[in-house]
Amino acid sequence: MCRRMSPGSWCDVDLGIICNGGSSCYENTCVCPYKHVISALQCVPAPSGQPEYSRKVDTTNPELISNWQQLEDCPVSSNLCRLPDCFCSRSGLEIPGGLLASDVPQMILLTFDGPVTDQAFAAYKSLLSGKYR
């Protein structure tokens, strides 16, 4: 029996937990193809003409890339792109510098919709107790 997971979800082909919505399983995560983004649990082409962040030409003069076609694909060899001047992740899931996830600061943002009721209070209390760090 197979379970189908949406893009961004956990997957394991060996266990029959496969990806759908145009995504494929890469390192146990359903990822969209290159130049695609997740929208309504589907992989869709990334919008064109959206400004990109800066790419360094040299260490003193960053150049703003406003056209996606000017961007280059990540090099196949990681030796061609090294920190601190360059970091490239083909899947978007790698951590810079080969660091462990436990060594990288992370932030989680929780938002709540609606009032805090006695029915939801126990769930909120368990999340905000400080047990999980």
N, C-alpha and C. Protein backbone atom coordinates (compact mmCIF):
# COMPACT_ATOMS: atom_id res chain seq x y z
N MET A 1 0.84 -1.18 0.00
CA MET A 1 0.00 0.00 0.00
C MET A 1 0.89 1.24 0.00
N CYS A 2 0.60 2.18 -0.90
CA CYS A 2 1.38 3.41 -1.01
C CYS A 2 0.63 4.58 -0.39
N ARG A 3 1.39 5.44 0.26
CA ARG A 3 0.84 6.71 0.73
C ARG A 3 1.44 7.80 -0.14
N ARG A 4 0.62 8.69 -0.60
CA ARG A 4 1.09 9.79 -1.45
C ARG A 4 1.16 11.06 -0.61
N MET A 5 2.31 11.73 -0.68
CA MET A 5 2.56 12.91 0.14
C MET A 5 2.70 14.15 -0.75
N SER A 6 2.29 15.28 -0.25
CA SER A 6 2.36 16.53 -1.00
C SER A 6 3.78 17.11 -0.92
N PRO A 7 4.12 18.04 -1.84
CA PRO A 7 5.44 18.67 -1.81
C PRO A 7 5.75 19.30 -0.45
N GLY A 8 6.98 19.10 0.01
CA GLY A 8 7.41 19.61 1.31
C GLY A 8 7.27 18.59 2.43
N SER A 9 6.58 17.47 2.15
CA SER A 9 6.35 16.45 3.17
C SER A 9 7.49 15.45 3.23
N TRP A 10 7.48 14.64 4.28
CA TRP A 10 8.46 13.56 4.45
C TRP A 10 8.08 12.41 3.52
N CYS A 11 9.07 11.72 2.97
CA CYS A 11 8.81 10.58 2.08
C CYS A 11 9.87 9.51 2.30
N ASP A 12 9.52 8.28 1.91
CA ASP A 12 10.46 7.16 1.94
C ASP A 12 9.96 6.13 0.94
N VAL A 13 10.59 6.08 -0.22
CA VAL A 13 10.15 5.21 -1.30
C VAL A 13 10.18 3.75 -0.86
N ASP A 14 11.18 3.36 -0.07
CA ASP A 14 11.29 1.98 0.39
C ASP A 14 10.11 1.56 1.25
N LEU A 15 9.51 2.51 1.97
CA LEU A 15 8.36 2.21 2.82
C LEU A 15 7.04 2.44 2.10
N GLY A 16 7.10 2.84 0.82
CA GLY A 16 5.88 3.08 0.06
C GLY A 16 5.27 4.44 0.32
N ILE A 17 6.04 5.36 0.89
CA ILE A 17 5.57 6.72 1.13
C ILE A 17 6.17 7.58 0.02
N ILE A 18 5.36 7.83 -1.03
CA ILE A 18 5.86 8.48 -2.23
C ILE A 18 5.28 9.88 -2.38
N CYS A 19 5.86 10.64 -3.28
CA CYS A 19 5.47 12.04 -3.48
C CYS A 19 4.49 12.17 -4.63
N ASN A 20 3.65 13.19 -4.55
CA ASN A 20 2.78 13.53 -5.67
C ASN A 20 2.78 15.04 -5.84
N GLY A 21 1.89 15.55 -6.66
CA GLY A 21 1.83 16.99 -6.89
C GLY A 21 2.99 17.51 -7.71
N GLY A 22 3.65 16.62 -8.48
CA GLY A 22 4.78 17.03 -9.30
C GLY A 22 6.11 16.99 -8.58
N SER A 23 6.13 16.56 -7.33
CA SER A 23 7.38 16.51 -6.56
C SER A 23 7.99 15.12 -6.62
N SER A 24 9.25 15.03 -6.22
CA SER A 24 9.94 13.74 -6.15
C SER A 24 10.67 13.65 -4.82
N CYS A 25 10.94 12.42 -4.39
CA CYS A 25 11.56 12.18 -3.09
C CYS A 25 13.07 12.36 -3.20
N TYR A 26 13.62 13.30 -2.45
CA TYR A 26 15.05 13.56 -2.40
C TYR A 26 15.45 13.68 -0.94
N GLU A 27 16.30 12.78 -0.48
CA GLU A 27 16.76 12.76 0.91
C GLU A 27 15.58 12.84 1.88
N ASN A 28 14.57 12.00 1.63
CA ASN A 28 13.38 11.84 2.47
C ASN A 28 12.50 13.09 2.56
N THR A 29 12.55 13.94 1.54
CA THR A 29 11.66 15.10 1.48
C THR A 29 11.12 15.23 0.06
N CYS A 30 9.82 15.47 -0.06
CA CYS A 30 9.21 15.69 -1.37
C CYS A 30 9.59 17.09 -1.85
N VAL A 31 10.40 17.16 -2.91
CA VAL A 31 10.87 18.44 -3.42
C VAL A 31 10.37 18.67 -4.83
N CYS A 32 10.14 19.93 -5.15
CA CYS A 32 9.70 20.32 -6.49
C CYS A 32 10.90 20.38 -7.42
N PRO A 33 10.67 20.23 -8.73
CA PRO A 33 11.77 20.37 -9.68
C PRO A 33 12.36 21.77 -9.64
N TYR A 34 13.54 21.91 -10.21
CA TYR A 34 14.24 23.19 -10.28
C TYR A 34 13.35 24.24 -10.94
N LYS A 35 13.36 25.44 -10.41
CA LYS A 35 12.56 26.58 -10.89
C LYS A 35 11.06 26.35 -10.75
N HIS A 36 10.67 25.54 -9.75
CA HIS A 36 9.27 25.34 -9.40
C HIS A 36 9.10 25.66 -7.92
N VAL A 37 7.90 26.07 -7.54
CA VAL A 37 7.58 26.38 -6.15
C VAL A 37 6.31 25.65 -5.76
N ILE A 38 6.06 25.55 -4.46
CA ILE A 38 4.85 24.89 -3.97
C ILE A 38 3.72 25.91 -3.91
N SER A 39 2.60 25.55 -4.52
CA SER A 39 1.40 26.39 -4.47
C SER A 39 0.20 25.47 -4.41
N ALA A 40 -0.61 25.59 -3.37
CA ALA A 40 -1.81 24.76 -3.18
C ALA A 40 -1.45 23.27 -3.25
N LEU A 41 -0.36 22.89 -2.56
CA LEU A 41 0.10 21.50 -2.46
C LEU A 41 0.48 20.89 -3.80
N GLN A 42 0.87 21.73 -4.76
CA GLN A 42 1.33 21.29 -6.08
C GLN A 42 2.61 22.03 -6.43
N CYS A 43 3.46 21.41 -7.26
CA CYS A 43 4.64 22.09 -7.79
C CYS A 43 4.21 22.86 -9.03
N VAL A 44 4.46 24.15 -9.05
CA VAL A 44 4.11 24.98 -10.19
C VAL A 44 5.35 25.78 -10.60
N PRO A 45 5.44 26.18 -11.88
CA PRO A 45 6.59 26.97 -12.31
C PRO A 45 6.70 28.25 -11.48
N ALA A 46 7.93 28.60 -11.14
CA ALA A 46 8.17 29.83 -10.38
C ALA A 46 7.78 31.03 -11.23
N PRO A 47 7.24 32.07 -10.60
CA PRO A 47 6.86 33.25 -11.37
C PRO A 47 8.06 33.89 -12.03
N SER A 48 7.89 34.34 -13.27
CA SER A 48 9.01 34.98 -13.97
C SER A 48 9.02 36.46 -13.66
N GLY A 49 10.18 37.05 -13.78
CA GLY A 49 10.31 38.48 -13.55
C GLY A 49 10.38 38.87 -12.09
N GLN A 50 10.36 37.91 -11.19
CA GLN A 50 10.43 38.22 -9.77
C GLN A 50 11.89 38.51 -9.41
N PRO A 51 12.17 39.59 -8.69
CA PRO A 51 13.56 39.92 -8.36
C PRO A 51 14.23 38.83 -7.53
N GLU A 52 15.49 38.65 -7.75
CA GLU A 52 16.28 37.68 -7.00
C GLU A 52 17.19 38.43 -6.05
N TYR A 53 17.74 37.73 -5.09
CA TYR A 53 18.69 38.33 -4.17
C TYR A 53 20.03 38.50 -4.84
N SER A 54 20.92 39.19 -4.18
CA SER A 54 22.18 39.55 -4.82
C SER A 54 23.10 38.36 -5.01
N ARG A 55 23.87 38.42 -6.07
CA ARG A 55 24.92 37.45 -6.35
C ARG A 55 26.22 38.24 -6.37
N LYS A 56 27.25 37.76 -5.70
CA LYS A 56 28.47 38.54 -5.58
C LYS A 56 29.32 38.41 -6.84
N VAL A 57 29.71 39.55 -7.38
CA VAL A 57 30.67 39.60 -8.47
C VAL A 57 32.07 39.63 -7.87
N ASP A 58 32.25 40.46 -6.88
CA ASP A 58 33.45 40.42 -6.05
C ASP A 58 33.01 40.76 -4.63
N THR A 59 33.92 40.76 -3.69
CA THR A 59 33.53 40.92 -2.29
C THR A 59 33.08 42.34 -1.95
N THR A 60 33.30 43.31 -2.84
CA THR A 60 32.92 44.68 -2.52
C THR A 60 31.76 45.21 -3.34
N ASN A 61 31.35 44.51 -4.40
CA ASN A 61 30.33 45.04 -5.29
C ASN A 61 29.28 43.98 -5.64
N PRO A 62 28.25 43.80 -4.79
CA PRO A 62 27.22 42.83 -5.14
C PRO A 62 26.37 43.35 -6.29
N GLU A 63 25.97 42.45 -7.16
CA GLU A 63 25.16 42.81 -8.32
C GLU A 63 23.76 42.25 -8.13
N LEU A 64 22.73 43.06 -8.28
CA LEU A 64 21.35 42.61 -8.12
C LEU A 64 20.88 41.96 -9.41
N ILE A 65 20.36 40.74 -9.29
CA ILE A 65 19.83 40.02 -10.44
C ILE A 65 18.32 40.20 -10.44
N SER A 66 17.77 40.86 -11.46
CA SER A 66 16.33 41.07 -11.52
C SER A 66 15.67 40.17 -12.56
N ASN A 67 16.44 39.35 -13.24
CA ASN A 67 15.90 38.49 -14.28
C ASN A 67 16.33 37.05 -14.01
N TRP A 68 15.37 36.16 -13.87
CA TRP A 68 15.68 34.76 -13.55
C TRP A 68 16.54 34.10 -14.62
N GLN A 69 16.40 34.52 -15.86
CA GLN A 69 17.18 33.90 -16.93
C GLN A 69 18.68 34.18 -16.79
N GLN A 70 19.05 35.24 -16.06
CA GLN A 70 20.46 35.55 -15.86
C GLN A 70 21.10 34.66 -14.80
N LEU A 71 20.29 33.99 -13.99
CA LEU A 71 20.84 33.15 -12.93
C LEU A 71 21.42 31.87 -13.50
N GLU A 72 22.46 31.39 -12.89
CA GLU A 72 23.10 30.16 -13.33
C GLU A 72 22.66 29.01 -12.44
N ASP A 73 22.60 27.80 -13.01
CA ASP A 73 22.29 26.62 -12.22
C ASP A 73 23.40 26.37 -11.21
N CYS A 74 23.05 25.69 -10.12
CA CYS A 74 24.07 25.29 -9.15
C CYS A 74 25.07 24.37 -9.84
N PRO A 75 26.36 24.54 -9.57
CA PRO A 75 27.34 23.64 -10.18
C PRO A 75 27.16 22.22 -9.65
N VAL A 76 27.43 21.23 -10.50
CA VAL A 76 27.32 19.83 -10.09
C VAL A 76 28.35 19.53 -9.01
N SER A 77 29.55 20.06 -9.16
CA SER A 77 30.61 19.86 -8.18
C SER A 77 30.52 20.94 -7.10
N SER A 78 30.43 20.52 -5.85
CA SER A 78 30.35 21.49 -4.75
C SER A 78 31.67 22.23 -4.55
N ASN A 79 32.76 21.76 -5.16
CA ASN A 79 34.06 22.43 -5.03
C ASN A 79 34.08 23.77 -5.76
N LEU A 80 33.14 23.98 -6.70
CA LEU A 80 33.11 25.22 -7.47
C LEU A 80 32.41 26.35 -6.73
N CYS A 81 31.76 26.02 -5.64
CA CYS A 81 30.99 27.02 -4.89
C CYS A 81 31.26 26.80 -3.40
N ARG A 82 32.01 27.72 -2.79
CA ARG A 82 32.43 27.56 -1.39
C ARG A 82 32.05 28.78 -0.55
N LEU A 83 31.70 28.52 0.71
CA LEU A 83 31.46 29.60 1.66
C LEU A 83 32.77 30.35 1.91
N PRO A 84 32.81 31.61 2.22
CA PRO A 84 31.67 32.49 2.49
C PRO A 84 31.17 33.21 1.25
N ASP A 85 31.84 33.06 0.09
CA ASP A 85 31.44 33.83 -1.09
C ASP A 85 30.30 33.20 -1.88
N CYS A 86 30.06 31.92 -1.68
CA CYS A 86 29.06 31.24 -2.49
C CYS A 86 28.49 30.06 -1.73
N PHE A 87 27.18 29.88 -1.80
CA PHE A 87 26.54 28.66 -1.32
C PHE A 87 25.43 28.32 -2.28
N CYS A 88 25.39 27.07 -2.70
CA CYS A 88 24.40 26.63 -3.67
C CYS A 88 23.84 25.29 -3.23
N SER A 89 22.54 25.17 -3.21
CA SER A 89 21.87 23.93 -2.84
C SER A 89 20.94 23.52 -3.97
N ARG A 90 21.24 22.42 -4.64
CA ARG A 90 20.41 21.98 -5.77
C ARG A 90 19.00 21.63 -5.31
N SER A 91 18.84 21.11 -4.11
CA SER A 91 17.51 20.72 -3.62
C SER A 91 16.91 21.79 -2.71
N GLY A 92 17.75 22.70 -2.19
CA GLY A 92 17.27 23.68 -1.23
C GLY A 92 17.24 23.14 0.19
N LEU A 93 17.76 21.92 0.40
CA LEU A 93 17.69 21.28 1.71
C LEU A 93 19.04 21.15 2.40
N GLU A 94 20.14 21.38 1.68
CA GLU A 94 21.45 21.21 2.29
C GLU A 94 21.74 22.38 3.23
N ILE A 95 22.52 22.11 4.26
CA ILE A 95 22.92 23.14 5.22
C ILE A 95 24.31 23.63 4.82
N PRO A 96 24.53 24.95 4.75
CA PRO A 96 25.84 25.47 4.36
C PRO A 96 26.96 24.96 5.25
N GLY A 97 28.11 24.71 4.64
CA GLY A 97 29.30 24.32 5.38
C GLY A 97 29.27 22.89 5.89
N GLY A 98 28.28 22.08 5.49
CA GLY A 98 28.19 20.70 5.96
C GLY A 98 27.93 20.59 7.45
N LEU A 99 27.35 21.61 8.05
CA LEU A 99 27.08 21.59 9.48
C LEU A 99 25.93 20.64 9.81
N LEU A 100 25.90 20.18 11.05
CA LEU A 100 24.79 19.37 11.52
C LEU A 100 23.60 20.27 11.81
N ALA A 101 22.40 19.75 11.63
CA ALA A 101 21.19 20.54 11.89
C ALA A 101 21.17 21.03 13.34
N SER A 102 21.70 20.24 14.26
CA SER A 102 21.70 20.63 15.67
C SER A 102 22.64 21.80 15.95
N ASP A 103 23.58 22.09 15.03
CA ASP A 103 24.53 23.18 15.21
C ASP A 103 24.10 24.47 14.50
N VAL A 104 22.96 24.43 13.82
CA VAL A 104 22.50 25.59 13.05
C VAL A 104 21.31 26.23 13.76
N PRO A 105 21.40 27.52 14.08
CA PRO A 105 20.26 28.17 14.73
C PRO A 105 19.03 28.13 13.83
N GLN A 106 17.90 27.83 14.42
CA GLN A 106 16.65 27.77 13.68
C GLN A 106 15.57 28.50 14.45
N MET A 107 14.60 29.00 13.72
CA MET A 107 13.50 29.72 14.34
C MET A 107 12.19 29.15 13.81
N ILE A 108 11.24 28.97 14.69
CA ILE A 108 9.91 28.51 14.31
C ILE A 108 8.93 29.59 14.70
N LEU A 109 8.05 29.93 13.78
CA LEU A 109 7.05 30.95 14.03
C LEU A 109 5.69 30.28 14.08
N LEU A 110 5.01 30.42 15.21
CA LEU A 110 3.66 29.87 15.37
C LEU A 110 2.66 31.01 15.27
N THR A 111 1.60 30.79 14.51
CA THR A 111 0.52 31.77 14.45
C THR A 111 -0.76 31.07 14.84
N PHE A 112 -1.64 31.80 15.46
CA PHE A 112 -2.90 31.23 15.92
C PHE A 112 -4.04 32.02 15.30
N ASP A 113 -5.04 31.31 14.82
CA ASP A 113 -6.20 31.93 14.21
C ASP A 113 -7.39 31.76 15.14
N GLY A 114 -7.92 32.83 15.61
CA GLY A 114 -9.08 32.75 16.49
C GLY A 114 -8.71 32.89 17.95
N PRO A 115 -9.70 32.84 18.81
CA PRO A 115 -9.47 33.04 20.24
C PRO A 115 -8.87 31.81 20.91
N VAL A 116 -8.23 32.03 22.04
CA VAL A 116 -7.74 30.92 22.86
C VAL A 116 -8.92 30.45 23.71
N THR A 117 -9.36 29.23 23.46
CA THR A 117 -10.49 28.67 24.20
C THR A 117 -10.01 27.57 25.13
N ASP A 118 -10.88 27.13 26.03
CA ASP A 118 -10.50 26.05 26.94
C ASP A 118 -10.24 24.76 26.17
N GLN A 119 -10.84 24.60 25.00
CA GLN A 119 -10.61 23.40 24.19
C GLN A 119 -9.21 23.39 23.59
N ALA A 120 -8.71 24.54 23.20
CA ALA A 120 -7.39 24.62 22.57
C ALA A 120 -6.28 24.92 23.57
N PHE A 121 -6.63 25.33 24.78
CA PHE A 121 -5.64 25.76 25.76
C PHE A 121 -4.63 24.67 26.08
N ALA A 122 -5.06 23.43 26.23
CA ALA A 122 -4.14 22.33 26.55
C ALA A 122 -3.09 22.15 25.45
N ALA A 123 -3.53 22.26 24.20
CA ALA A 123 -2.58 22.13 23.09
C ALA A 123 -1.58 23.28 23.10
N TYR A 124 -2.06 24.51 23.29
CA TYR A 124 -1.16 25.66 23.35
C TYR A 124 -0.18 25.53 24.52
N LYS A 125 -0.68 25.10 25.65
CA LYS A 125 0.16 24.97 26.85
C LYS A 125 1.29 23.97 26.62
N SER A 126 0.99 22.84 25.96
CA SER A 126 2.03 21.85 25.70
C SER A 126 3.07 22.38 24.71
N LEU A 127 2.64 23.19 23.74
CA LEU A 127 3.58 23.76 22.78
C LEU A 127 4.48 24.81 23.40
N LEU A 128 3.94 25.59 24.32
CA LEU A 128 4.66 26.74 24.87
C LEU A 128 5.24 26.50 26.26
N SER A 129 5.30 25.24 26.69
CA SER A 129 5.77 24.93 28.04
C SER A 129 7.28 25.09 28.21
N GLY A 130 8.03 25.14 27.12
CA GLY A 130 9.48 25.21 27.21
C GLY A 130 10.14 23.85 27.14
N LYS A 131 9.34 22.79 27.05
CA LYS A 131 9.88 21.43 26.97
C LYS A 131 10.64 21.22 25.66
N TYR A 132 10.15 21.80 24.59
CA TYR A 132 10.78 21.64 23.28
C TYR A 132 11.65 22.85 22.99
N ARG A 133 12.94 22.61 22.77
CA ARG A 133 13.88 23.69 22.48
C ARG A 133 14.69 23.35 21.27
